[in-house]
Amino acid sequence: MKKKIKYLILSVSVLCILIPVYFYFHYQKLPIYQIEYNAGEDTTYALHYAYFKDHTYQSVNPFIYEDEYPLGKQIGRTEHGIETVFEVKGHKDLIAVKGFMIPPIYFKEMKDLD
């Protein structure tokens, strides 16, 4: 009986160590997005830009409802590691950047006019 309890405690403690390690390495492998805050001002709100490889994203109106644009899976992180980048469900050209206790900022992919 005591052996079973020892093995149970050992296996639970190993799981408690392995699960955070897995999430840490998963987070470290995510691509890095560069965020440029307050890059310009529109008439109603400040503009922010996000860059990743050959994609450029511009912030959209900050007064949109989170319920209409639910966050999808995590697709990246910022260079500071404070915020994470999510895809937006149902919208291929939208991403959202969200930090701890910070509401998401939505970005729309800009199309080149060449």
Protein backbone atom coordinates (compact mmCIF):
# COMPACT_ATOMS: atom_id res chain seq x y z
CA MET A 1 0.00 0.00 0.00
CA LYS A 2 2.78 2.42 0.90
CA LYS A 3 4.62 1.58 -2.33
CA LYS A 4 1.55 2.50 -4.38
CA ILE A 5 1.27 5.84 -2.62
CA LYS A 6 4.96 6.54 -3.22
CA TYR A 7 4.60 5.78 -6.94
CA LEU A 8 1.47 7.90 -7.14
CA ILE A 9 3.19 10.88 -5.50
CA LEU A 10 6.24 10.42 -7.70
CA SER A 11 4.21 10.24 -10.90
CA VAL A 12 2.11 13.30 -9.97
CA SER A 13 5.23 15.32 -9.15
CA VAL A 14 6.85 14.32 -12.46
CA LEU A 15 3.71 15.45 -14.31
CA CYS A 16 3.70 18.72 -12.40
CA ILE A 17 7.22 19.35 -13.66
CA LEU A 18 6.81 18.13 -17.24
CA ILE A 19 3.63 20.01 -18.12
CA PRO A 20 5.02 23.55 -17.48
CA VAL A 21 8.26 22.59 -19.23
CA TYR A 22 6.28 21.51 -22.30
CA PHE A 23 4.35 24.80 -22.41
CA TYR A 24 7.54 26.81 -21.91
CA PHE A 25 9.29 25.17 -24.87
CA HIS A 26 6.13 25.41 -26.96
CA TYR A 27 6.00 29.16 -26.26
CA GLN A 28 9.69 29.60 -27.09
CA LYS A 29 9.22 27.98 -30.53
CA LEU A 30 6.47 30.43 -31.57
CA PRO A 31 7.42 33.00 -34.23
CA ILE A 32 8.14 36.55 -33.09
CA TYR A 33 5.97 39.45 -34.29
CA GLN A 34 7.31 43.01 -34.10
CA ILE A 35 4.79 45.48 -32.74
CA GLU A 36 5.11 49.23 -33.32
CA TYR A 37 2.83 51.16 -30.99
CA ASN A 38 1.61 54.71 -31.64
CA ALA A 39 3.11 54.78 -35.13
CA GLY A 40 0.60 57.32 -36.40
CA GLU A 41 -2.67 58.90 -35.50
CA ASP A 42 -5.93 58.66 -37.28
CA THR A 43 -8.67 61.15 -36.50
CA THR A 44 -10.17 58.97 -33.77
CA TYR A 45 -7.50 56.60 -32.41
CA ALA A 46 -3.76 55.85 -32.41
CA LEU A 47 -2.47 53.45 -35.07
CA HIS A 48 -0.38 50.43 -34.21
CA TYR A 49 1.45 48.14 -36.64
CA ALA A 50 2.50 44.51 -36.41
CA TYR A 51 5.13 42.98 -38.70
CA PHE A 52 5.89 39.33 -39.42
CA LYS A 53 8.07 38.27 -42.37
CA ASP A 54 6.44 39.85 -45.43
CA HIS A 55 3.09 40.59 -43.75
CA THR A 56 2.14 43.98 -42.34
CA TYR A 57 -0.86 44.42 -40.07
CA GLN A 58 -2.54 47.69 -39.09
CA SER A 59 -4.67 48.11 -35.99
CA VAL A 60 -8.39 48.46 -36.44
CA ASN A 61 -10.92 50.47 -34.48
CA PRO A 62 -10.32 49.66 -30.78
CA PHE A 63 -14.04 49.86 -29.98
CA ILE A 64 -15.01 46.47 -31.36
CA TYR A 65 -16.61 43.77 -29.28
CA GLU A 66 -14.58 40.73 -28.27
CA ASP A 67 -17.68 38.55 -28.53
CA GLU A 68 -17.93 39.23 -32.27
CA TYR A 69 -14.26 38.42 -32.84
CA PRO A 70 -13.35 35.40 -30.68
CA LEU A 71 -9.69 34.49 -30.31
CA GLY A 72 -8.45 31.32 -31.94
CA LYS A 73 -5.19 29.47 -31.43
CA GLN A 74 -1.93 31.10 -30.40
CA ILE A 75 0.22 31.78 -33.47
CA GLY A 76 3.06 33.93 -32.16
CA ARG A 77 4.55 36.16 -29.51
CA THR A 78 6.07 39.64 -29.37
CA GLU A 79 9.75 40.42 -29.12
CA HIS A 80 9.39 41.42 -25.45
CA GLY A 81 7.61 38.21 -24.53
CA ILE A 82 4.90 40.07 -22.64
CA GLU A 83 2.15 39.67 -25.22
CA THR A 84 0.95 36.80 -27.35
CA VAL A 85 -0.50 36.81 -30.86
CA PHE A 86 -3.70 34.93 -31.66
CA GLU A 87 -5.63 34.25 -34.82
CA VAL A 88 -9.23 35.45 -34.92
CA LYS A 89 -11.80 32.73 -35.58
CA GLY A 90 -13.66 33.21 -38.83
CA HIS A 91 -11.42 36.02 -40.12
CA LYS A 92 -8.34 35.06 -42.14
CA ASP A 93 -6.90 38.58 -42.35
CA LEU A 94 -7.26 39.48 -38.65
CA ILE A 95 -4.91 38.80 -35.75
CA ALA A 96 -5.14 39.87 -32.12
CA VAL A 97 -2.37 40.77 -29.69
CA LYS A 98 -3.24 40.19 -26.05
CA GLY A 99 -1.24 40.62 -22.89
CA PHE A 100 -1.85 39.68 -19.29
CA MET A 101 -4.90 41.64 -18.08
CA ILE A 102 -4.86 43.70 -21.29
CA PRO A 103 -7.76 43.52 -23.74
CA PRO A 104 -6.84 42.28 -27.20
CA ILE A 105 -5.79 44.73 -29.90
CA TYR A 106 -7.01 43.63 -33.31
CA PHE A 107 -4.89 44.03 -36.43
CA LYS A 108 -5.94 43.68 -40.06
CA GLU A 109 -3.50 42.57 -42.75
CA MET A 110 -2.64 45.35 -45.17
CA LYS A 111 -2.66 44.48 -48.84
CA ASP A 112 0.18 45.90 -50.94
CA LEU A 113 -1.02 48.26 -53.63
CA ASP A 114 1.81 47.53 -56.09
